[in-house]
């Protein structure tokens, strides 16, 4: 009886310890793409697609598709001054149920999400937005019904504040 109690306690601990935004910080991004890394680390895996708001901001597309569960998506890296600022994972042709399935998987990994507060104009196209905020990394998932798009964005928790300080 005592052994069963110990085993049950270990199972509960292992499950609970996996449900934390601390895991988000440990991972530091999506798969091998990490926030803050030099884009040169991925030179064989990505190709530049366009320059963004200013000459120091560029968007890169991963050459290979990625899989999450049974879903296939693509990865883009938003890079500022050679460093990865955002990892954007897009699942095109996704349904609401696909979105809900991915959301449940993220909840299992990172615990309870918080609903996106007031949406900025850039996020207004998403019907649903959910956020996990760690000490270092922030993850946002959104669903755009018009484009049948589920999008996950990994970013540095305070990257916007850092950019504001530069200007």
C-alpha atoms as a PDB file:
ATOM      1  CA  UNK A   1       0.000   0.000   0.000  1.00  0.00           C
ATOM      2  CA  UNK A   2       2.816   2.373   0.879  1.00  0.00           C
ATOM      3  CA  UNK A   3       4.567   1.684  -2.459  1.00  0.00           C
ATOM      4  CA  UNK A   4       1.398   2.568  -4.380  1.00  0.00           C
ATOM      5  CA  UNK A   5       1.177   5.876  -2.483  1.00  0.00           C
ATOM      6  CA  UNK A   6       4.797   6.722  -3.331  1.00  0.00           C
ATOM      7  CA  UNK A   7       4.300   5.847  -7.005  1.00  0.00           C
ATOM      8  CA  UNK A   8       1.089   7.863  -7.174  1.00  0.00           C
ATOM      9  CA  UNK A   9       2.858  10.814  -5.524  1.00  0.00           C
ATOM     10  CA  UNK A  10       5.688  10.652  -8.080  1.00  0.00           C
ATOM     11  CA  UNK A  11       3.224  10.549 -10.990  1.00  0.00           C
ATOM     12  CA  UNK A  12       1.363  13.590  -9.638  1.00  0.00           C
ATOM     13  CA  UNK A  13       4.667  15.459  -9.104  1.00  0.00           C
ATOM     14  CA  UNK A  14       5.927  14.632 -12.610  1.00  0.00           C
ATOM     15  CA  UNK A  15       2.655  15.760 -14.167  1.00  0.00           C
ATOM     16  CA  UNK A  16       2.504  18.968 -12.151  1.00  0.00           C
ATOM     17  CA  UNK A  17       6.126  19.871 -12.774  1.00  0.00           C
ATOM     18  CA  UNK A  18       5.569  19.663 -16.545  1.00  0.00           C
ATOM     19  CA  UNK A  19       2.743  22.182 -16.372  1.00  0.00           C
ATOM     20  CA  UNK A  20       4.663  25.377 -15.855  1.00  0.00           C
ATOM     21  CA  UNK A  21       5.794  28.391 -17.814  1.00  0.00           C
ATOM     22  CA  UNK A  22       9.239  27.551 -16.431  1.00  0.00           C
ATOM     23  CA  UNK A  23       9.301  24.911 -19.180  1.00  0.00           C
ATOM     24  CA  UNK A  24       8.770  27.684 -21.711  1.00  0.00           C
ATOM     25  CA  UNK A  25      11.834  29.505 -20.406  1.00  0.00           C
ATOM     26  CA  UNK A  26      13.897  26.293 -20.396  1.00  0.00           C
ATOM     27  CA  UNK A  27      13.088  25.586 -24.031  1.00  0.00           C
ATOM     28  CA  UNK A  28      13.821  29.172 -25.044  1.00  0.00           C
ATOM     29  CA  UNK A  29      11.905  28.943 -28.308  1.00  0.00           C
ATOM     30  CA  UNK A  30      10.486  26.370 -30.710  1.00  0.00           C
ATOM     31  CA  UNK A  31      12.358  23.138 -31.444  1.00  0.00           C
ATOM     32  CA  UNK A  32      15.945  24.095 -32.375  1.00  0.00           C
ATOM     33  CA  UNK A  33      15.113  27.788 -32.998  1.00  0.00           C
ATOM     34  CA  UNK A  34      15.930  29.775 -29.843  1.00  0.00           C
ATOM     35  CA  UNK A  35      15.191  33.390 -28.955  1.00  0.00           C
ATOM     36  CA  UNK A  36      18.369  35.465 -28.769  1.00  0.00           C
ATOM     37  CA  UNK A  37      20.463  33.142 -30.945  1.00  0.00           C
ATOM     38  CA  UNK A  38      22.464  34.543 -33.807  1.00  0.00           C
ATOM     39  CA  UNK A  39      20.690  33.840 -37.092  1.00  0.00           C
ATOM     40  CA  UNK A  40      24.049  32.620 -38.428  1.00  0.00           C
ATOM     41  CA  UNK A  41      23.547  29.452 -36.335  1.00  0.00           C
ATOM     42  CA  UNK A  42      20.719  28.554 -38.712  1.00  0.00           C
ATOM     43  CA  UNK A  43      22.322  29.625 -42.007  1.00  0.00           C
ATOM     44  CA  UNK A  44      21.795  26.171 -43.576  1.00  0.00           C
ATOM     45  CA  UNK A  45      18.219  25.881 -42.270  1.00  0.00           C
ATOM     46  CA  UNK A  46      16.709  29.248 -43.185  1.00  0.00           C
ATOM     47  CA  UNK A  47      16.601  31.677 -46.082  1.00  0.00           C
ATOM     48  CA  UNK A  48      15.968  35.427 -45.895  1.00  0.00           C
ATOM     49  CA  UNK A  49      12.583  36.478 -47.249  1.00  0.00           C
ATOM     50  CA  UNK A  50      12.304  40.224 -46.627  1.00  0.00           C
ATOM     51  CA  UNK A  51      13.499  43.276 -44.755  1.00  0.00           C
ATOM     52  CA  UNK A  52      10.928  44.586 -42.295  1.00  0.00           C
ATOM     53  CA  UNK A  53      10.292  48.019 -40.711  1.00  0.00           C
ATOM     54  CA  UNK A  54      13.943  49.025 -40.800  1.00  0.00           C
ATOM     55  CA  UNK A  55      17.152  47.750 -42.343  1.00  0.00           C
ATOM     56  CA  UNK A  56      18.128  45.946 -39.100  1.00  0.00           C
ATOM     57  CA  UNK A  57      14.925  43.819 -39.041  1.00  0.00           C
ATOM     58  CA  UNK A  58      14.638  40.840 -41.361  1.00  0.00           C
ATOM     59  CA  UNK A  59      12.355  37.859 -41.783  1.00  0.00           C
ATOM     60  CA  UNK A  60      13.733  34.390 -42.500  1.00  0.00           C
ATOM     61  CA  UNK A  61      11.805  31.274 -43.540  1.00  0.00           C
ATOM     62  CA  UNK A  62      12.885  27.804 -42.454  1.00  0.00           C
ATOM     63  CA  UNK A  63      13.611  25.627 -45.478  1.00  0.00           C
ATOM     64  CA  UNK A  64      11.921  22.572 -43.961  1.00  0.00           C
ATOM     65  CA  UNK A  65       8.369  22.217 -42.717  1.00  0.00           C
ATOM     66  CA  UNK A  66       7.840  21.293 -39.060  1.00  0.00           C
ATOM     67  CA  UNK A  67       5.429  18.882 -37.430  1.00  0.00           C
ATOM     68  CA  UNK A  68       3.553  19.289 -34.198  1.00  0.00           C
ATOM     69  CA  UNK A  69       1.372  16.306 -33.414  1.00  0.00           C
ATOM     70  CA  UNK A  70      -0.268  15.574 -36.777  1.00  0.00           C
ATOM     71  CA  UNK A  71      -0.061  19.174 -38.009  1.00  0.00           C
ATOM     72  CA  UNK A  72       2.458  20.473 -40.511  1.00  0.00           C
ATOM     73  CA  UNK A  73       3.536  24.088 -40.413  1.00  0.00           C
ATOM     74  CA  UNK A  74       6.271  26.485 -41.339  1.00  0.00           C
ATOM     75  CA  UNK A  75       8.666  28.475 -39.195  1.00  0.00           C
ATOM     76  CA  UNK A  76       9.692  32.080 -39.718  1.00  0.00           C
ATOM     77  CA  UNK A  77      12.328  33.902 -37.712  1.00  0.00           C
ATOM     78  CA  UNK A  78      12.009  37.618 -37.076  1.00  0.00           C
ATOM     79  CA  UNK A  79      15.569  38.856 -36.652  1.00  0.00           C
ATOM     80  CA  UNK A  80      16.826  42.187 -35.351  1.00  0.00           C
ATOM     81  CA  UNK A  81      20.517  43.057 -35.752  1.00  0.00           C
ATOM     82  CA  UNK A  82      21.336  39.417 -36.451  1.00  0.00           C
ATOM     83  CA  UNK A  83      19.596  38.028 -33.340  1.00  0.00           C
ATOM     84  CA  UNK A  84      16.368  35.991 -33.321  1.00  0.00           C
ATOM     85  CA  UNK A  85      13.606  38.098 -31.727  1.00  0.00           C
ATOM     86  CA  UNK A  86      10.586  35.969 -32.623  1.00  0.00           C
ATOM     87  CA  UNK A  87       9.956  32.433 -33.774  1.00  0.00           C
ATOM     88  CA  UNK A  88       6.655  32.314 -35.675  1.00  0.00           C
ATOM     89  CA  UNK A  89       5.078  28.918 -36.343  1.00  0.00           C
ATOM     90  CA  UNK A  90       2.146  28.977 -38.794  1.00  0.00           C
ATOM     91  CA  UNK A  91      -0.312  26.193 -39.480  1.00  0.00           C
ATOM     92  CA  UNK A  92      -2.258  27.038 -42.620  1.00  0.00           C
ATOM     93  CA  UNK A  93      -5.588  25.422 -43.502  1.00  0.00           C
ATOM     94  CA  UNK A  94      -6.292  24.701 -39.843  1.00  0.00           C
ATOM     95  CA  UNK A  95      -9.731  24.413 -38.331  1.00  0.00           C
ATOM     96  CA  UNK A  96     -11.035  25.591 -34.981  1.00  0.00           C
ATOM     97  CA  UNK A  97     -10.757  22.029 -33.686  1.00  0.00           C
ATOM     98  CA  UNK A  98      -7.103  21.872 -34.852  1.00  0.00           C
ATOM     99  CA  UNK A  99      -6.490  25.115 -32.962  1.00  0.00           C
ATOM    100  CA  UNK A 100      -8.205  23.769 -29.830  1.00  0.00           C
ATOM    101  CA  UNK A 101      -6.110  20.580 -30.032  1.00  0.00           C
ATOM    102  CA  UNK A 102      -2.864  22.576 -30.215  1.00  0.00           C
ATOM    103  CA  UNK A 103      -4.067  24.814 -27.377  1.00  0.00           C
ATOM    104  CA  UNK A 104      -4.687  21.764 -25.156  1.00  0.00           C
ATOM    105  CA  UNK A 105      -1.197  20.449 -25.939  1.00  0.00           C
ATOM    106  CA  UNK A 106       0.346  23.777 -24.953  1.00  0.00           C
ATOM    107  CA  UNK A 107      -1.681  23.775 -21.724  1.00  0.00           C
ATOM    108  CA  UNK A 108      -0.286  20.341 -20.937  1.00  0.00           C
ATOM    109  CA  UNK A 109       3.247  21.637 -21.487  1.00  0.00           C
ATOM    110  CA  UNK A 110       3.036  25.098 -19.922  1.00  0.00           C
ATOM    111  CA  UNK A 111      -0.004  25.108 -17.657  1.00  0.00           C
ATOM    112  CA  UNK A 112      -2.927  27.495 -17.757  1.00  0.00           C
ATOM    113  CA  UNK A 113      -2.825  30.314 -20.294  1.00  0.00           C
ATOM    114  CA  UNK A 114      -4.061  33.821 -19.872  1.00  0.00           C
ATOM    115  CA  UNK A 115      -6.456  35.243 -22.429  1.00  0.00           C
ATOM    116  CA  UNK A 116      -4.967  38.005 -24.525  1.00  0.00           C
ATOM    117  CA  UNK A 117      -5.951  41.341 -23.059  1.00  0.00           C
ATOM    118  CA  UNK A 118      -7.076  44.041 -25.414  1.00  0.00           C
ATOM    119  CA  UNK A 119      -5.916  43.132 -28.875  1.00  0.00           C
ATOM    120  CA  UNK A 120      -3.507  45.433 -30.623  1.00  0.00           C
ATOM    121  CA  UNK A 121      -4.345  46.294 -34.234  1.00  0.00           C
ATOM    122  CA  UNK A 122      -1.818  43.652 -35.356  1.00  0.00           C
ATOM    123  CA  UNK A 123      -3.750  40.964 -33.441  1.00  0.00           C
ATOM    124  CA  UNK A 124      -7.265  42.102 -34.334  1.00  0.00           C
ATOM    125  CA  UNK A 125      -7.504  39.511 -37.119  1.00  0.00           C
ATOM    126  CA  UNK A 126      -7.359  36.684 -34.570  1.00  0.00           C
ATOM    127  CA  UNK A 127     -10.672  35.554 -33.099  1.00  0.00           C
ATOM    128  CA  UNK A 128      -8.907  33.853 -30.217  1.00  0.00           C
ATOM    129  CA  UNK A 129      -5.583  34.772 -28.599  1.00  0.00           C
ATOM    130  CA  UNK A 130      -4.008  33.020 -25.612  1.00  0.00           C
ATOM    131  CA  UNK A 131      -0.693  33.816 -23.904  1.00  0.00           C
ATOM    132  CA  UNK A 132       1.850  32.164 -21.616  1.00  0.00           C
ATOM    133  CA  UNK A 133       4.403  34.493 -20.055  1.00  0.00           C
ATOM    134  CA  UNK A 134       7.570  33.156 -18.479  1.00  0.00           C
ATOM    135  CA  UNK A 135      10.397  35.126 -16.925  1.00  0.00           C
ATOM    136  CA  UNK A 136      12.257  35.219 -20.269  1.00  0.00           C
ATOM    137  CA  UNK A 137       9.985  33.836 -22.984  1.00  0.00           C
ATOM    138  CA  UNK A 138       6.438  34.695 -23.996  1.00  0.00           C
ATOM    139  CA  UNK A 139       4.267  32.442 -26.168  1.00  0.00           C
ATOM    140  CA  UNK A 140       1.150  33.612 -27.952  1.00  0.00           C
ATOM    141  CA  UNK A 141      -1.197  31.386 -29.938  1.00  0.00           C
ATOM    142  CA  UNK A 142      -3.963  32.790 -32.094  1.00  0.00           C
ATOM    143  CA  UNK A 143      -6.558  31.563 -34.557  1.00  0.00           C
ATOM    144  CA  UNK A 144      -7.609  33.542 -37.649  1.00  0.00           C
ATOM    145  CA  UNK A 145     -10.843  32.044 -38.970  1.00  0.00           C
ATOM    146  CA  UNK A 146     -10.848  34.074 -42.208  1.00  0.00           C
ATOM    147  CA  UNK A 147      -7.491  32.626 -43.276  1.00  0.00           C
ATOM    148  CA  UNK A 148      -7.891  29.279 -41.453  1.00  0.00           C
ATOM    149  CA  UNK A 149      -4.578  30.001 -39.746  1.00  0.00           C
ATOM    150  CA  UNK A 150      -3.239  28.979 -36.367  1.00  0.00           C
ATOM    151  CA  UNK A 151      -0.158  30.954 -35.385  1.00  0.00           C
ATOM    152  CA  UNK A 152       2.212  30.446 -32.448  1.00  0.00           C
ATOM    153  CA  UNK A 153       4.690  33.232 -31.698  1.00  0.00           C
ATOM    154  CA  UNK A 154       7.593  32.770 -29.308  1.00  0.00           C
ATOM    155  CA  UNK A 155       9.305  36.003 -28.276  1.00  0.00           C
ATOM    156  CA  UNK A 156      11.499  37.435 -25.595  1.00  0.00           C
ATOM    157  CA  UNK A 157       9.271  38.514 -22.729  1.00  0.00           C
ATOM    158  CA  UNK A 158      10.559  42.084 -22.673  1.00  0.00           C
ATOM    159  CA  UNK A 159      11.767  42.494 -26.260  1.00  0.00           C
ATOM    160  CA  UNK A 160       9.369  45.360 -27.000  1.00  0.00           C
ATOM    161  CA  UNK A 161      10.628  47.290 -23.976  1.00  0.00           C
ATOM    162  CA  UNK A 162      14.236  46.744 -25.062  1.00  0.00           C
ATOM    163  CA  UNK A 163      13.521  48.029 -28.571  1.00  0.00           C
ATOM    164  CA  UNK A 164      11.766  51.119 -27.182  1.00  0.00           C
ATOM    165  CA  UNK A 165      14.861  51.893 -25.093  1.00  0.00           C
ATOM    166  CA  UNK A 166      16.972  52.065 -28.270  1.00  0.00           C
ATOM    167  CA  UNK A 167      14.857  54.837 -29.778  1.00  0.00           C
END
